[in-house]
């Protein structure tokens, strides 16, 4: 990847397609798991690549590229999440009083219900859960991507699982 980056920085813009091909699918999938909407996920991923392209001259070739690009992507996901949260807060009636079983009736299967509750996790917990439990990264790999210690990521993951377990049990679903 270092040769590709060097060529892009030297002006060969077509080489950036190599980076796109290498990372697009994974980043898109992570963004989708984060926002649960393919159009939004595509926008987030596109914004990530624009940011990567504009920031490529600040990349340190002495460090691995993958965690660098993923950190940019996770920051884009966080920004989208904050915008979405503000938008939803402005459109949710103040007197909406629904309980967990009412919220989950519309879901056909347990996986959809789990993903529904994943959306309610804090961004750090959500990243930890998505990267380790959904995408299959080790906690060490996920910690490197997120930019924290492995032990910190494992704490976020444990708290995410604990929160999900409580919400799912309140909905009558056994979580293991």
N, C-alpha and C. Protein backbone atom coordinates (compact mmCIF):
# COMPACT_ATOMS: atom_id res chain seq x y z
N UNK A 1 0.83 -1.19 0.00
CA UNK A 1 0.00 0.00 0.00
C UNK A 1 0.88 1.26 0.00
N UNK A 2 2.08 1.15 0.55
CA UNK A 2 2.97 2.32 0.60
C UNK A 2 3.30 2.84 -0.79
N UNK A 3 3.50 1.92 -1.76
CA UNK A 3 3.79 2.35 -3.14
C UNK A 3 2.59 3.09 -3.74
N UNK A 4 1.40 2.59 -3.48
CA UNK A 4 0.18 3.21 -3.99
C UNK A 4 0.06 4.62 -3.42
N UNK A 5 0.24 4.75 -2.13
CA UNK A 5 0.14 6.06 -1.48
C UNK A 5 1.18 7.02 -2.03
N UNK A 6 2.39 6.53 -2.19
CA UNK A 6 3.46 7.37 -2.74
C UNK A 6 3.10 7.86 -4.14
N UNK A 7 2.57 6.97 -4.98
CA UNK A 7 2.18 7.35 -6.34
C UNK A 7 1.05 8.37 -6.34
N UNK A 8 0.08 8.19 -5.45
CA UNK A 8 -1.02 9.16 -5.35
C UNK A 8 -0.45 10.52 -4.96
N UNK A 9 0.44 10.54 -3.98
CA UNK A 9 1.02 11.80 -3.52
C UNK A 9 1.89 12.45 -4.59
N UNK A 10 2.44 11.64 -5.49
CA UNK A 10 3.24 12.17 -6.59
C UNK A 10 2.37 12.66 -7.75
N UNK A 11 1.05 12.51 -7.62
CA UNK A 11 0.16 13.05 -8.63
C UNK A 11 -0.60 12.02 -9.46
N UNK A 12 -0.33 10.72 -9.28
CA UNK A 12 -1.05 9.69 -10.02
C UNK A 12 -2.37 9.40 -9.33
N UNK A 13 -3.38 10.19 -9.62
CA UNK A 13 -4.67 10.11 -8.93
C UNK A 13 -5.39 8.80 -9.21
N UNK A 14 -5.10 8.17 -10.34
CA UNK A 14 -5.74 6.90 -10.67
C UNK A 14 -5.38 5.80 -9.67
N UNK A 15 -4.23 5.92 -9.03
CA UNK A 15 -3.80 4.92 -8.06
C UNK A 15 -4.71 4.90 -6.83
N UNK A 16 -5.44 5.98 -6.61
CA UNK A 16 -6.35 6.02 -5.46
C UNK A 16 -7.45 4.97 -5.61
N UNK A 17 -7.73 4.56 -6.84
CA UNK A 17 -8.72 3.50 -7.08
C UNK A 17 -8.32 2.20 -6.39
N UNK A 18 -7.03 1.97 -6.25
CA UNK A 18 -6.55 0.77 -5.55
C UNK A 18 -7.02 0.80 -4.10
N UNK A 19 -6.90 1.95 -3.47
CA UNK A 19 -7.35 2.11 -2.09
C UNK A 19 -8.87 1.92 -2.02
N UNK A 20 -9.58 2.50 -2.97
CA UNK A 20 -11.04 2.34 -3.01
C UNK A 20 -11.44 0.88 -3.10
N UNK A 21 -10.81 0.16 -4.02
CA UNK A 21 -11.15 -1.26 -4.21
C UNK A 21 -10.81 -2.08 -2.96
N UNK A 22 -9.72 -1.75 -2.33
CA UNK A 22 -9.26 -2.50 -1.16
C UNK A 22 -10.19 -2.34 0.04
N UNK A 23 -10.68 -1.13 0.27
CA UNK A 23 -11.38 -0.84 1.52
C UNK A 23 -12.87 -0.54 1.38
N UNK A 24 -13.37 -0.30 0.20
CA UNK A 24 -14.75 0.14 0.04
C UNK A 24 -15.77 -0.81 0.65
N UNK A 25 -15.69 -2.08 0.34
CA UNK A 25 -16.70 -3.03 0.80
C UNK A 25 -16.76 -3.12 2.33
N UNK A 26 -15.59 -3.22 2.96
CA UNK A 26 -15.55 -3.33 4.41
C UNK A 26 -16.06 -2.07 5.09
N UNK A 27 -15.63 -0.91 4.60
CA UNK A 27 -16.05 0.35 5.20
C UNK A 27 -17.56 0.56 5.00
N UNK A 28 -18.05 0.21 3.85
CA UNK A 28 -19.48 0.33 3.57
C UNK A 28 -20.30 -0.53 4.53
N UNK A 29 -19.83 -1.75 4.73
CA UNK A 29 -20.53 -2.68 5.62
C UNK A 29 -20.54 -2.15 7.06
N UNK A 30 -19.41 -1.62 7.52
CA UNK A 30 -19.34 -1.07 8.87
C UNK A 30 -20.28 0.12 9.00
N UNK A 31 -20.27 0.99 8.01
CA UNK A 31 -21.16 2.15 8.04
C UNK A 31 -22.62 1.70 8.06
N UNK A 32 -22.94 0.68 7.28
CA UNK A 32 -24.33 0.19 7.28
C UNK A 32 -24.72 -0.33 8.66
N UNK A 33 -23.85 -1.12 9.27
CA UNK A 33 -24.16 -1.64 10.60
C UNK A 33 -24.34 -0.50 11.59
N UNK A 34 -23.65 0.58 11.34
CA UNK A 34 -23.73 1.71 12.25
C UNK A 34 -25.01 2.50 12.08
N UNK A 35 -25.45 2.73 10.83
CA UNK A 35 -26.62 3.59 10.60
C UNK A 35 -27.86 2.84 10.11
N UNK A 36 -27.72 1.57 9.74
CA UNK A 36 -28.85 0.73 9.31
C UNK A 36 -29.59 1.29 8.09
N UNK A 37 -28.84 1.94 7.21
CA UNK A 37 -29.43 2.50 6.00
C UNK A 37 -28.35 2.52 4.92
N UNK A 38 -28.59 1.85 3.80
CA UNK A 38 -27.56 1.73 2.77
C UNK A 38 -27.21 3.07 2.13
N UNK A 39 -28.19 3.92 1.91
CA UNK A 39 -27.89 5.22 1.31
C UNK A 39 -27.00 6.06 2.22
N UNK A 40 -27.34 6.08 3.50
CA UNK A 40 -26.51 6.82 4.46
C UNK A 40 -25.13 6.19 4.57
N UNK A 41 -25.07 4.88 4.55
CA UNK A 41 -23.78 4.18 4.63
C UNK A 41 -22.89 4.52 3.43
N UNK A 42 -23.50 4.60 2.25
CA UNK A 42 -22.74 4.98 1.05
C UNK A 42 -22.22 6.40 1.18
N UNK A 43 -23.06 7.30 1.69
CA UNK A 43 -22.63 8.69 1.87
C UNK A 43 -21.47 8.78 2.86
N UNK A 44 -21.58 8.07 3.96
CA UNK A 44 -20.52 8.07 4.97
C UNK A 44 -19.22 7.54 4.38
N UNK A 45 -19.32 6.44 3.65
CA UNK A 45 -18.13 5.83 3.06
C UNK A 45 -17.52 6.75 2.01
N UNK A 46 -18.34 7.39 1.22
CA UNK A 46 -17.83 8.34 0.23
C UNK A 46 -17.12 9.51 0.94
N UNK A 47 -17.72 10.03 2.00
CA UNK A 47 -17.09 11.10 2.76
C UNK A 47 -15.76 10.66 3.35
N UNK A 48 -15.70 9.40 3.77
CA UNK A 48 -14.44 8.86 4.29
C UNK A 48 -13.36 8.91 3.23
N UNK A 49 -13.68 8.45 2.02
CA UNK A 49 -12.66 8.43 0.97
C UNK A 49 -12.25 9.85 0.56
N UNK A 50 -13.17 10.78 0.57
CA UNK A 50 -12.81 12.18 0.28
C UNK A 50 -11.84 12.68 1.34
N UNK A 51 -12.16 12.41 2.59
CA UNK A 51 -11.30 12.84 3.71
C UNK A 51 -9.93 12.17 3.62
N UNK A 52 -9.91 10.88 3.29
CA UNK A 52 -8.64 10.15 3.16
C UNK A 52 -7.80 10.78 2.05
N UNK A 53 -8.42 11.03 0.92
CA UNK A 53 -7.70 11.61 -0.21
C UNK A 53 -7.09 12.97 0.16
N UNK A 54 -7.89 13.79 0.82
CA UNK A 54 -7.41 15.13 1.19
C UNK A 54 -6.37 15.09 2.30
N UNK A 55 -6.37 14.01 3.10
CA UNK A 55 -5.45 13.92 4.24
C UNK A 55 -4.26 13.01 3.98
N UNK A 56 -4.17 12.45 2.81
CA UNK A 56 -3.14 11.44 2.52
C UNK A 56 -1.73 11.97 2.77
N UNK A 57 -1.51 13.26 2.56
CA UNK A 57 -0.18 13.82 2.79
C UNK A 57 0.18 13.84 4.28
N UNK A 58 -0.80 13.66 5.16
CA UNK A 58 -0.53 13.63 6.60
C UNK A 58 -0.39 12.22 7.14
N UNK A 59 -0.59 11.22 6.28
CA UNK A 59 -0.42 9.83 6.70
C UNK A 59 1.06 9.55 6.97
N UNK A 60 1.33 8.88 8.08
CA UNK A 60 2.69 8.51 8.46
C UNK A 60 2.98 7.10 7.93
N UNK A 61 3.83 6.98 6.90
CA UNK A 61 4.09 5.65 6.31
C UNK A 61 4.76 4.68 7.28
N UNK A 62 5.25 5.17 8.39
CA UNK A 62 5.85 4.29 9.38
C UNK A 62 4.81 3.55 10.22
N UNK A 63 3.56 3.91 10.05
CA UNK A 63 2.47 3.28 10.80
C UNK A 63 1.57 2.51 9.82
N UNK A 64 0.83 1.53 10.30
CA UNK A 64 -0.06 0.78 9.41
C UNK A 64 -1.17 1.67 8.83
N UNK A 65 -1.49 1.44 7.57
CA UNK A 65 -2.49 2.25 6.87
C UNK A 65 -3.91 1.91 7.31
N UNK A 66 -4.19 0.63 7.50
CA UNK A 66 -5.56 0.20 7.79
C UNK A 66 -6.15 0.89 9.02
N UNK A 67 -5.46 0.90 10.17
CA UNK A 67 -6.04 1.60 11.32
C UNK A 67 -6.24 3.09 11.06
N UNK A 68 -5.38 3.69 10.26
CA UNK A 68 -5.49 5.12 9.94
C UNK A 68 -6.78 5.39 9.17
N UNK A 69 -7.02 4.62 8.12
CA UNK A 69 -8.22 4.84 7.31
C UNK A 69 -9.48 4.48 8.11
N UNK A 70 -9.41 3.46 8.93
CA UNK A 70 -10.56 3.07 9.74
C UNK A 70 -10.89 4.14 10.78
N UNK A 71 -9.88 4.77 11.36
CA UNK A 71 -10.13 5.83 12.33
C UNK A 71 -10.86 6.99 11.67
N UNK A 72 -10.44 7.32 10.46
CA UNK A 72 -11.14 8.38 9.72
C UNK A 72 -12.58 7.97 9.48
N UNK A 73 -12.77 6.72 9.09
CA UNK A 73 -14.12 6.21 8.82
C UNK A 73 -14.98 6.21 10.08
N UNK A 74 -14.43 5.77 11.18
CA UNK A 74 -15.20 5.75 12.42
C UNK A 74 -15.57 7.16 12.86
N UNK A 75 -14.70 8.13 12.62
CA UNK A 75 -15.04 9.52 12.92
C UNK A 75 -16.18 10.01 12.03
N UNK A 76 -16.19 9.59 10.78
CA UNK A 76 -17.29 9.94 9.87
C UNK A 76 -18.60 9.30 10.36
N UNK A 77 -18.50 8.06 10.83
CA UNK A 77 -19.70 7.38 11.37
C UNK A 77 -20.20 8.11 12.61
N UNK A 78 -19.30 8.52 13.49
CA UNK A 78 -19.70 9.26 14.70
C UNK A 78 -20.41 10.56 14.32
N UNK A 79 -19.85 11.28 13.37
CA UNK A 79 -20.46 12.54 12.95
C UNK A 79 -21.86 12.31 12.40
N UNK A 80 -22.02 11.28 11.58
CA UNK A 80 -23.33 10.96 11.01
C UNK A 80 -24.30 10.57 12.12
N UNK A 81 -23.81 9.83 13.09
CA UNK A 81 -24.65 9.41 14.21
C UNK A 81 -25.14 10.63 15.00
N UNK A 82 -24.24 11.57 15.27
CA UNK A 82 -24.63 12.79 16.00
C UNK A 82 -25.67 13.59 15.21
N UNK A 83 -25.47 13.73 13.90
CA UNK A 83 -26.43 14.45 13.07
C UNK A 83 -27.79 13.75 13.09
N UNK A 84 -27.77 12.43 12.97
CA UNK A 84 -29.00 11.64 12.97
C UNK A 84 -29.72 11.79 14.31
N UNK A 85 -28.96 11.75 15.39
CA UNK A 85 -29.54 11.85 16.73
C UNK A 85 -30.21 13.22 16.92
N UNK A 86 -29.56 14.29 16.47
CA UNK A 86 -30.14 15.63 16.58
C UNK A 86 -31.41 15.71 15.74
N UNK A 87 -31.37 15.14 14.55
CA UNK A 87 -32.53 15.16 13.66
C UNK A 87 -33.70 14.40 14.28
N UNK A 88 -33.42 13.25 14.85
CA UNK A 88 -34.48 12.44 15.46
C UNK A 88 -35.05 13.13 16.69
N UNK A 89 -34.20 13.78 17.47
CA UNK A 89 -34.67 14.47 18.67
C UNK A 89 -35.62 15.60 18.30
N UNK A 90 -35.38 16.22 17.17
CA UNK A 90 -36.24 17.32 16.73
C UNK A 90 -37.58 16.83 16.22
N UNK A 91 -37.68 15.54 15.85
CA UNK A 91 -38.91 15.02 15.26
C UNK A 91 -39.65 13.99 16.11
N UNK A 92 -39.15 13.71 17.30
CA UNK A 92 -39.82 12.75 18.16
C UNK A 92 -40.73 13.50 19.12
N UNK A 93 -42.00 13.15 19.18
CA UNK A 93 -42.91 13.84 20.10
C UNK A 93 -42.48 13.64 21.55
N UNK A 94 -42.66 14.66 22.36
CA UNK A 94 -42.23 14.60 23.76
C UNK A 94 -43.03 13.59 24.57
N UNK A 95 -44.24 13.32 24.18
CA UNK A 95 -45.07 12.40 24.96
C UNK A 95 -45.02 10.97 24.46
N UNK A 96 -43.99 10.64 23.66
CA UNK A 96 -43.92 9.26 23.15
C UNK A 96 -43.52 8.34 24.29
N UNK A 97 -44.42 7.50 24.69
CA UNK A 97 -44.15 6.57 25.78
C UNK A 97 -44.44 5.16 25.28
N UNK A 98 -43.37 4.52 24.79
CA UNK A 98 -43.51 3.15 24.32
C UNK A 98 -42.59 2.28 25.15
N UNK A 99 -42.97 1.06 25.34
CA UNK A 99 -42.07 0.17 26.07
C UNK A 99 -41.35 -0.73 25.08
N UNK A 100 -40.39 -1.49 25.60
CA UNK A 100 -39.52 -2.30 24.73
C UNK A 100 -40.32 -3.30 23.91
N UNK A 101 -41.34 -3.90 24.46
CA UNK A 101 -42.07 -4.90 23.68
C UNK A 101 -42.84 -4.24 22.55
N UNK A 102 -43.38 -3.04 22.75
CA UNK A 102 -44.07 -2.34 21.67
C UNK A 102 -43.08 -1.96 20.58
N UNK A 103 -41.89 -1.51 20.98
CA UNK A 103 -40.88 -1.09 20.00
C UNK A 103 -40.44 -2.25 19.12
N UNK A 104 -40.42 -3.43 19.67
CA UNK A 104 -39.85 -4.56 18.94
C UNK A 104 -40.87 -5.41 18.22
N UNK A 105 -42.14 -5.13 18.35
CA UNK A 105 -43.15 -5.94 17.68
C UNK A 105 -43.00 -5.96 16.18
N UNK A 106 -42.50 -4.86 15.63
CA UNK A 106 -42.40 -4.76 14.18
C UNK A 106 -41.29 -5.64 13.60
N UNK A 107 -40.40 -6.14 14.43
CA UNK A 107 -39.28 -6.91 13.93
C UNK A 107 -39.64 -8.38 13.77
N UNK A 108 -39.20 -8.95 12.67
CA UNK A 108 -39.56 -10.33 12.37
C UNK A 108 -38.63 -11.35 13.03
N UNK A 109 -37.39 -10.99 13.29
CA UNK A 109 -36.47 -11.96 13.86
C UNK A 109 -35.58 -11.33 14.92
N UNK A 110 -34.94 -12.19 15.69
CA UNK A 110 -34.12 -11.72 16.81
C UNK A 110 -32.91 -10.91 16.34
N UNK A 111 -32.31 -11.27 15.20
CA UNK A 111 -31.16 -10.53 14.71
C UNK A 111 -31.52 -9.07 14.45
N UNK A 112 -32.67 -8.84 13.88
CA UNK A 112 -33.11 -7.47 13.62
C UNK A 112 -33.33 -6.72 14.93
N UNK A 113 -33.85 -7.42 15.93
CA UNK A 113 -34.06 -6.78 17.23
C UNK A 113 -32.73 -6.43 17.87
N UNK A 114 -31.76 -7.33 17.78
CA UNK A 114 -30.43 -7.06 18.32
C UNK A 114 -29.84 -5.83 17.65
N UNK A 115 -29.92 -5.77 16.32
CA UNK A 115 -29.36 -4.63 15.60
C UNK A 115 -30.11 -3.34 15.96
N UNK A 116 -31.39 -3.45 16.23
CA UNK A 116 -32.16 -2.29 16.66
C UNK A 116 -31.59 -1.75 17.97
N UNK A 117 -31.32 -2.63 18.91
CA UNK A 117 -30.78 -2.20 20.19
C UNK A 117 -29.32 -1.78 20.10
N UNK A 118 -28.57 -2.34 19.16
CA UNK A 118 -27.18 -1.90 18.96
C UNK A 118 -27.16 -0.41 18.63
N UNK A 119 -28.18 0.05 17.92
CA UNK A 119 -28.25 1.46 17.54
C UNK A 119 -28.34 2.37 18.77
N UNK A 120 -28.82 1.86 19.88
CA UNK A 120 -28.99 2.69 21.07
C UNK A 120 -27.72 2.75 21.93
N UNK A 121 -26.70 1.99 21.58
CA UNK A 121 -25.45 2.00 22.36
C UNK A 121 -24.70 3.30 22.13
N UNK A 122 -23.82 3.62 23.07
CA UNK A 122 -22.95 4.78 22.88
C UNK A 122 -22.04 4.49 21.69
N UNK A 123 -21.50 5.50 21.02
CA UNK A 123 -20.63 5.24 19.87
C UNK A 123 -19.46 4.30 20.17
N UNK A 124 -18.81 4.46 21.32
CA UNK A 124 -17.67 3.59 21.65
C UNK A 124 -18.11 2.15 21.82
N UNK A 125 -19.23 1.95 22.50
CA UNK A 125 -19.74 0.60 22.68
C UNK A 125 -20.19 0.01 21.34
N UNK A 126 -20.81 0.84 20.54
CA UNK A 126 -21.29 0.39 19.23
C UNK A 126 -20.12 -0.04 18.35
N UNK A 127 -19.06 0.78 18.30
CA UNK A 127 -17.88 0.43 17.50
C UNK A 127 -17.28 -0.88 17.98
N UNK A 128 -17.13 -1.02 19.29
CA UNK A 128 -16.54 -2.24 19.83
C UNK A 128 -17.38 -3.45 19.44
N UNK A 129 -18.69 -3.35 19.63
CA UNK A 129 -19.58 -4.46 19.32
C UNK A 129 -19.56 -4.79 17.83
N UNK A 130 -19.69 -3.77 16.99
CA UNK A 130 -19.73 -4.00 15.54
C UNK A 130 -18.43 -4.60 15.02
N UNK A 131 -17.30 -4.05 15.46
CA UNK A 131 -16.02 -4.55 14.94
C UNK A 131 -15.72 -5.96 15.41
N UNK A 132 -15.99 -6.27 16.67
CA UNK A 132 -15.64 -7.58 17.21
C UNK A 132 -16.73 -8.62 16.93
N UNK A 133 -17.97 -8.30 17.28
CA UNK A 133 -19.04 -9.30 17.19
C UNK A 133 -19.63 -9.44 15.79
N UNK A 134 -19.69 -8.37 15.04
CA UNK A 134 -20.31 -8.43 13.71
C UNK A 134 -19.26 -8.62 12.62
N UNK A 135 -18.19 -7.82 12.66
CA UNK A 135 -17.17 -7.89 11.62
C UNK A 135 -16.10 -8.95 11.88
N UNK A 136 -16.00 -9.46 13.11
CA UNK A 136 -15.10 -10.56 13.40
C UNK A 136 -13.65 -10.19 13.68
N UNK A 137 -13.39 -8.94 13.99
CA UNK A 137 -12.03 -8.55 14.35
C UNK A 137 -11.73 -9.03 15.76
N UNK A 138 -10.44 -9.27 16.03
CA UNK A 138 -10.05 -9.56 17.41
C UNK A 138 -10.12 -8.25 18.18
N UNK A 139 -10.16 -8.34 19.49
CA UNK A 139 -10.23 -7.11 20.29
C UNK A 139 -8.98 -6.27 20.07
N UNK A 140 -7.85 -6.91 19.87
CA UNK A 140 -6.60 -6.19 19.62
C UNK A 140 -6.66 -5.42 18.29
N UNK A 141 -7.16 -6.08 17.25
CA UNK A 141 -7.30 -5.42 15.95
C UNK A 141 -8.29 -4.26 16.03
N UNK A 142 -9.42 -4.50 16.69
CA UNK A 142 -10.44 -3.46 16.83
C UNK A 142 -9.90 -2.29 17.63
N UNK A 143 -9.14 -2.56 18.68
CA UNK A 143 -8.55 -1.49 19.49
C UNK A 143 -7.60 -0.64 18.66
N UNK A 144 -6.82 -1.30 17.80
CA UNK A 144 -5.90 -0.56 16.93
C UNK A 144 -6.68 0.32 15.97
N UNK A 145 -7.76 -0.18 15.43
CA UNK A 145 -8.59 0.58 14.50
C UNK A 145 -9.22 1.78 15.19
N UNK A 146 -9.76 1.54 16.38
CA UNK A 146 -10.45 2.61 17.12
C UNK A 146 -9.45 3.59 17.72
N UNK A 147 -8.24 3.12 17.98
CA UNK A 147 -7.22 4.00 18.55
C UNK A 147 -7.25 4.03 20.07
N UNK A 148 -7.45 2.86 20.67
CA UNK A 148 -7.43 2.79 22.13
C UNK A 148 -6.71 1.51 22.54
N UNK A 149 -6.49 1.34 23.83
CA UNK A 149 -5.86 0.13 24.34
C UNK A 149 -6.81 -1.05 24.20
N UNK A 150 -6.25 -2.23 24.05
CA UNK A 150 -7.06 -3.45 23.95
C UNK A 150 -7.95 -3.60 25.17
N UNK A 151 -7.43 -3.33 26.34
CA UNK A 151 -8.23 -3.46 27.57
C UNK A 151 -9.40 -2.48 27.56
N UNK A 152 -9.20 -1.28 27.04
CA UNK A 152 -10.26 -0.29 26.97
C UNK A 152 -11.35 -0.77 26.02
N UNK A 153 -10.94 -1.30 24.87
CA UNK A 153 -11.93 -1.80 23.92
C UNK A 153 -12.73 -2.95 24.52
N UNK A 154 -12.06 -3.82 25.26
CA UNK A 154 -12.77 -4.94 25.89
C UNK A 154 -13.78 -4.45 26.93
N UNK A 155 -13.47 -3.36 27.62
CA UNK A 155 -14.42 -2.77 28.57
C UNK A 155 -15.65 -2.26 27.81
N UNK A 156 -15.41 -1.53 26.70
CA UNK A 156 -16.53 -1.03 25.90
C UNK A 156 -17.38 -2.20 25.38
N UNK A 157 -16.73 -3.26 24.95
CA UNK A 157 -17.45 -4.43 24.44
C UNK A 157 -18.27 -5.09 25.55
N UNK A 158 -17.68 -5.24 26.72
CA UNK A 158 -18.40 -5.85 27.84
C UNK A 158 -19.61 -5.01 28.23
N UNK A 159 -19.45 -3.69 28.25
CA UNK A 159 -20.57 -2.82 28.60
C UNK A 159 -21.66 -2.87 27.52
N UNK A 160 -21.24 -2.98 26.26
CA UNK A 160 -22.21 -3.09 25.17
C UNK A 160 -23.02 -4.38 25.33
N UNK A 161 -22.35 -5.47 25.61
CA UNK A 161 -23.04 -6.75 25.77
C UNK A 161 -23.97 -6.71 26.98
N UNK A 162 -23.51 -6.10 28.06
CA UNK A 162 -24.34 -5.99 29.26
C UNK A 162 -25.61 -5.18 28.97
N UNK A 163 -25.45 -4.07 28.28
CA UNK A 163 -26.59 -3.23 27.94
C UNK A 163 -27.55 -3.97 27.01
N UNK A 164 -27.00 -4.64 26.01
CA UNK A 164 -27.85 -5.40 25.09
C UNK A 164 -28.59 -6.52 25.81
N UNK A 165 -27.88 -7.19 26.71
CA UNK A 165 -28.51 -8.28 27.45
C UNK A 165 -29.72 -7.78 28.24
N UNK A 166 -29.58 -6.64 28.91
CA UNK A 166 -30.69 -6.08 29.69
C UNK A 166 -31.86 -5.72 28.79
N UNK A 167 -31.58 -5.06 27.68
CA UNK A 167 -32.66 -4.64 26.78
C UNK A 167 -33.36 -5.83 26.13
N UNK A 168 -32.59 -6.83 25.76
CA UNK A 168 -33.18 -8.00 25.12
C UNK A 168 -34.00 -8.82 26.12
N UNK A 169 -33.49 -8.95 27.33
CA UNK A 169 -34.25 -9.69 28.34
C UNK A 169 -35.55 -8.98 28.68
N UNK A 170 -35.53 -7.65 28.68
CA UNK A 170 -36.76 -6.87 28.90
C UNK A 170 -37.76 -7.09 27.77
N UNK A 171 -37.25 -7.45 26.60
CA UNK A 171 -38.11 -7.74 25.45
C UNK A 171 -38.52 -9.20 25.38
N UNK A 172 -38.04 -9.98 26.34
CA UNK A 172 -38.39 -11.41 26.36
C UNK A 172 -37.49 -12.27 25.49
N UNK A 173 -36.31 -11.76 25.17
CA UNK A 173 -35.37 -12.52 24.31
C UNK A 173 -34.15 -12.86 25.15
N UNK A 174 -33.78 -14.13 25.08
CA UNK A 174 -32.61 -14.60 25.83
C UNK A 174 -31.36 -14.27 25.01
N UNK A 175 -30.40 -13.60 25.63
CA UNK A 175 -29.16 -13.18 24.95
C UNK A 175 -28.00 -13.92 25.59
N UNK A 176 -27.17 -14.55 24.74
CA UNK A 176 -26.01 -15.27 25.27
C UNK A 176 -24.76 -14.76 24.62
